N, C-alpha and C. Protein backbone atom coordinates (compact mmCIF):
# COMPACT_ATOMS: atom_id res chain seq x y z
N MET A 1 87.33 -27.69 149.62
CA MET A 1 87.35 -26.29 149.39
C MET A 1 88.03 -26.06 148.00
N PRO A 2 87.47 -25.39 147.02
CA PRO A 2 88.03 -25.26 145.70
C PRO A 2 89.23 -24.35 145.79
N TYR A 3 90.09 -24.57 144.86
CA TYR A 3 91.28 -23.72 144.69
C TYR A 3 90.89 -22.37 143.96
N HIS A 4 91.33 -21.25 144.55
CA HIS A 4 91.08 -19.96 143.91
C HIS A 4 92.35 -19.45 143.39
N ASP A 5 92.26 -19.02 142.17
CA ASP A 5 93.45 -18.31 141.62
C ASP A 5 93.29 -16.81 141.80
N PHE A 6 93.81 -16.31 142.85
CA PHE A 6 93.58 -14.97 143.18
C PHE A 6 94.28 -13.94 142.14
N GLN A 7 95.32 -14.33 141.56
CA GLN A 7 95.98 -13.44 140.51
C GLN A 7 95.03 -13.21 139.33
N ASN A 8 94.33 -14.32 138.88
CA ASN A 8 93.42 -14.11 137.84
C ASN A 8 92.19 -13.33 138.17
N GLN A 9 91.81 -13.48 139.50
CA GLN A 9 90.69 -12.66 140.04
C GLN A 9 91.02 -11.19 140.07
N TYR A 10 92.36 -10.97 140.41
CA TYR A 10 92.75 -9.55 140.46
C TYR A 10 92.82 -8.92 139.07
N VAL A 11 93.31 -9.75 138.04
CA VAL A 11 93.27 -9.29 136.70
C VAL A 11 91.86 -8.97 136.20
N TYR A 12 90.95 -9.93 136.54
CA TYR A 12 89.58 -9.69 136.14
C TYR A 12 89.04 -8.37 136.73
N ASN A 13 89.28 -8.15 138.01
CA ASN A 13 88.82 -6.98 138.64
C ASN A 13 89.44 -5.74 138.03
N GLU A 14 90.69 -5.88 137.73
CA GLU A 14 91.44 -4.71 137.13
C GLU A 14 90.80 -4.41 135.74
N ARG A 15 90.50 -5.45 134.98
CA ARG A 15 89.94 -5.22 133.63
C ARG A 15 88.51 -4.61 133.79
N TYR A 16 87.80 -5.09 134.77
CA TYR A 16 86.46 -4.53 135.04
C TYR A 16 86.57 -2.99 135.33
N TYR A 17 87.50 -2.61 136.20
CA TYR A 17 87.58 -1.24 136.51
C TYR A 17 88.04 -0.39 135.37
N GLN A 18 88.97 -0.95 134.54
CA GLN A 18 89.41 -0.30 133.30
C GLN A 18 88.27 -0.03 132.40
N GLN A 19 87.48 -1.04 132.22
CA GLN A 19 86.36 -0.91 131.34
C GLN A 19 85.30 0.14 131.84
N ARG A 20 85.01 0.19 133.15
CA ARG A 20 84.14 1.25 133.72
C ARG A 20 84.72 2.53 133.49
N PHE A 21 86.07 2.71 133.63
CA PHE A 21 86.73 3.98 133.51
C PHE A 21 86.59 4.40 132.03
N LEU A 22 86.87 3.60 131.07
CA LEU A 22 86.74 3.92 129.73
C LEU A 22 85.24 4.34 129.41
N GLU A 23 84.33 3.58 129.89
CA GLU A 23 82.86 4.00 129.61
C GLU A 23 82.58 5.38 130.14
N HIS A 24 82.99 5.64 131.39
CA HIS A 24 82.68 6.95 131.98
C HIS A 24 83.48 8.09 131.32
N ALA A 25 84.61 7.75 130.88
CA ALA A 25 85.45 8.80 130.14
C ALA A 25 84.79 9.09 128.84
N ALA A 26 84.34 8.15 128.13
CA ALA A 26 83.63 8.47 126.86
C ALA A 26 82.29 9.22 127.03
N PHE A 27 81.60 8.82 128.09
CA PHE A 27 80.35 9.59 128.36
C PHE A 27 80.63 11.02 128.72
N SER A 28 81.68 11.24 129.45
CA SER A 28 82.00 12.50 129.87
C SER A 28 82.44 13.42 128.63
N GLU A 29 83.14 12.85 127.70
CA GLU A 29 83.49 13.58 126.46
C GLU A 29 82.28 13.91 125.60
N HIS A 30 81.31 12.88 125.56
CA HIS A 30 80.10 13.06 124.83
C HIS A 30 79.32 14.16 125.38
N HIS A 31 79.17 14.20 126.72
CA HIS A 31 78.27 15.23 127.35
C HIS A 31 79.03 16.68 127.27
N ALA A 32 80.35 16.68 127.20
CA ALA A 32 81.08 17.87 126.94
C ALA A 32 80.68 18.47 125.63
N ARG A 33 80.63 17.63 124.63
CA ARG A 33 80.33 18.04 123.29
C ARG A 33 78.87 18.59 123.29
N LEU A 34 77.96 17.85 123.90
CA LEU A 34 76.57 18.23 123.89
C LEU A 34 76.43 19.58 124.71
N LYS A 35 77.19 19.77 125.76
CA LYS A 35 77.22 20.96 126.51
C LYS A 35 77.57 22.15 125.65
N ALA A 36 78.65 21.93 124.83
CA ALA A 36 79.08 23.01 123.97
C ALA A 36 78.21 23.42 122.87
N ALA A 37 77.42 22.31 122.35
CA ALA A 37 76.45 22.50 121.36
C ALA A 37 75.28 23.26 121.83
N ASN A 38 74.90 23.23 123.03
CA ASN A 38 73.74 23.89 123.63
C ASN A 38 74.21 25.09 124.46
N ALA A 39 75.22 25.78 124.03
CA ALA A 39 75.67 26.90 124.86
C ALA A 39 74.59 28.01 124.90
N GLY A 40 73.69 28.12 123.95
CA GLY A 40 72.73 29.12 123.90
C GLY A 40 71.56 28.81 124.73
N ASN A 41 71.25 27.53 125.04
CA ASN A 41 70.12 27.17 125.88
C ASN A 41 70.63 26.72 127.27
N PHE A 42 70.45 27.67 128.23
CA PHE A 42 71.04 27.44 129.58
C PHE A 42 70.59 26.26 130.28
N GLN A 43 69.25 25.87 130.06
CA GLN A 43 68.79 24.71 130.73
C GLN A 43 69.50 23.45 130.24
N GLU A 44 69.60 23.34 128.99
CA GLU A 44 70.31 22.12 128.35
C GLU A 44 71.76 22.16 128.66
N TYR A 45 72.32 23.42 128.66
CA TYR A 45 73.76 23.47 128.90
C TYR A 45 74.03 23.06 130.34
N TYR A 46 73.25 23.38 131.35
CA TYR A 46 73.59 22.93 132.72
C TYR A 46 73.27 21.51 132.95
N LYS A 47 72.28 21.02 132.22
CA LYS A 47 71.92 19.63 132.24
C LYS A 47 73.12 18.73 131.79
N TYR A 48 73.63 19.15 130.65
CA TYR A 48 74.81 18.33 130.13
C TYR A 48 76.11 18.60 130.91
N ALA A 49 76.25 19.82 131.44
CA ALA A 49 77.35 20.11 132.37
C ALA A 49 77.40 19.21 133.65
N GLU A 50 76.16 19.00 134.13
CA GLU A 50 76.02 18.15 135.37
C GLU A 50 76.32 16.73 134.94
N LEU A 51 75.83 16.28 133.82
CA LEU A 51 76.20 14.85 133.43
C LEU A 51 77.71 14.73 133.10
N GLU A 52 78.23 15.71 132.49
CA GLU A 52 79.71 15.63 132.19
C GLU A 52 80.51 15.55 133.47
N TYR A 53 80.20 16.31 134.46
CA TYR A 53 81.00 16.25 135.73
C TYR A 53 80.73 14.98 136.54
N PHE A 54 79.49 14.49 136.38
CA PHE A 54 79.23 13.15 137.02
C PHE A 54 80.05 12.08 136.45
N HIS A 55 80.17 12.01 135.17
CA HIS A 55 80.89 10.95 134.53
C HIS A 55 82.41 11.24 134.67
N LYS A 56 82.85 12.43 134.82
CA LYS A 56 84.28 12.69 135.05
C LYS A 56 84.59 12.14 136.45
N SER A 57 83.69 12.39 137.38
CA SER A 57 84.05 11.95 138.83
C SER A 57 84.02 10.43 138.87
N ARG A 58 83.05 9.77 138.12
CA ARG A 58 82.98 8.28 138.14
C ARG A 58 84.32 7.75 137.43
N ALA A 59 84.73 8.36 136.38
CA ALA A 59 85.92 7.90 135.74
C ALA A 59 87.20 8.02 136.62
N LEU A 60 87.34 9.12 137.34
CA LEU A 60 88.36 9.26 138.24
C LEU A 60 88.27 8.22 139.44
N HIS A 61 87.11 7.95 139.81
CA HIS A 61 86.85 6.98 140.86
C HIS A 61 87.42 5.61 140.43
N TYR A 62 86.98 5.16 139.19
CA TYR A 62 87.39 3.88 138.74
C TYR A 62 88.92 3.86 138.45
N LYS A 63 89.45 4.93 137.99
CA LYS A 63 90.80 5.00 137.55
C LYS A 63 91.75 4.68 138.75
N GLY A 64 91.26 4.95 139.93
CA GLY A 64 92.08 4.63 141.21
C GLY A 64 92.19 3.22 141.57
N PHE A 65 91.43 2.35 140.85
CA PHE A 65 91.42 0.89 141.13
C PHE A 65 92.36 0.06 140.35
N PHE A 66 93.15 0.68 139.29
CA PHE A 66 94.04 -0.15 138.56
C PHE A 66 95.22 0.59 138.31
N LYS A 67 96.29 -0.21 137.90
CA LYS A 67 97.62 0.28 137.62
C LYS A 67 97.70 1.03 136.31
N ALA A 68 98.79 1.70 136.08
CA ALA A 68 99.00 2.52 134.88
C ALA A 68 99.04 1.66 133.60
N GLU A 69 99.75 0.45 133.69
CA GLU A 69 99.87 -0.39 132.50
C GLU A 69 98.49 -1.03 132.24
N SER A 70 98.15 -1.29 131.12
CA SER A 70 96.87 -1.87 130.63
C SER A 70 96.97 -3.37 130.65
N THR A 71 95.84 -4.08 131.19
CA THR A 71 95.76 -5.42 131.07
C THR A 71 94.76 -5.81 130.00
N LEU A 72 94.24 -4.89 129.35
CA LEU A 72 93.33 -5.17 128.19
C LEU A 72 94.14 -5.57 126.98
N LYS A 73 93.70 -6.68 126.32
CA LYS A 73 94.38 -7.07 125.09
C LYS A 73 93.69 -6.47 123.86
N PRO A 74 94.48 -6.09 122.94
CA PRO A 74 93.86 -5.49 121.67
C PRO A 74 93.01 -6.60 120.97
N GLN A 75 91.94 -6.19 120.45
CA GLN A 75 90.98 -7.07 119.78
C GLN A 75 91.50 -7.35 118.40
N GLY A 76 91.40 -8.57 117.93
CA GLY A 76 91.75 -8.92 116.58
C GLY A 76 93.29 -8.93 116.21
N MET A 77 94.16 -9.04 117.26
CA MET A 77 95.53 -9.00 116.96
C MET A 77 96.07 -10.36 117.21
N GLY A 78 95.30 -11.41 117.39
CA GLY A 78 95.83 -12.77 117.53
C GLY A 78 96.32 -13.10 118.80
N PHE A 79 96.14 -12.34 119.83
CA PHE A 79 96.64 -12.57 121.22
C PHE A 79 95.77 -13.52 122.01
């Protein structure tokens, strides 16, 4: 039976959830800008509002899976 390093597996999972959180947070901000840009067109406005709230809910979902301190290392800093 192979040895499993559960601490590293936890860090990997935490990084995965942080990455998903950041992706959905960015999509939410993007759709909020598109929603504001289409304020005069109600069909486009509500389409982007729906996408904004979907991505906000997914971001909050993934945020619940990791601790407050980041395990992501800055890129290009020699770490």
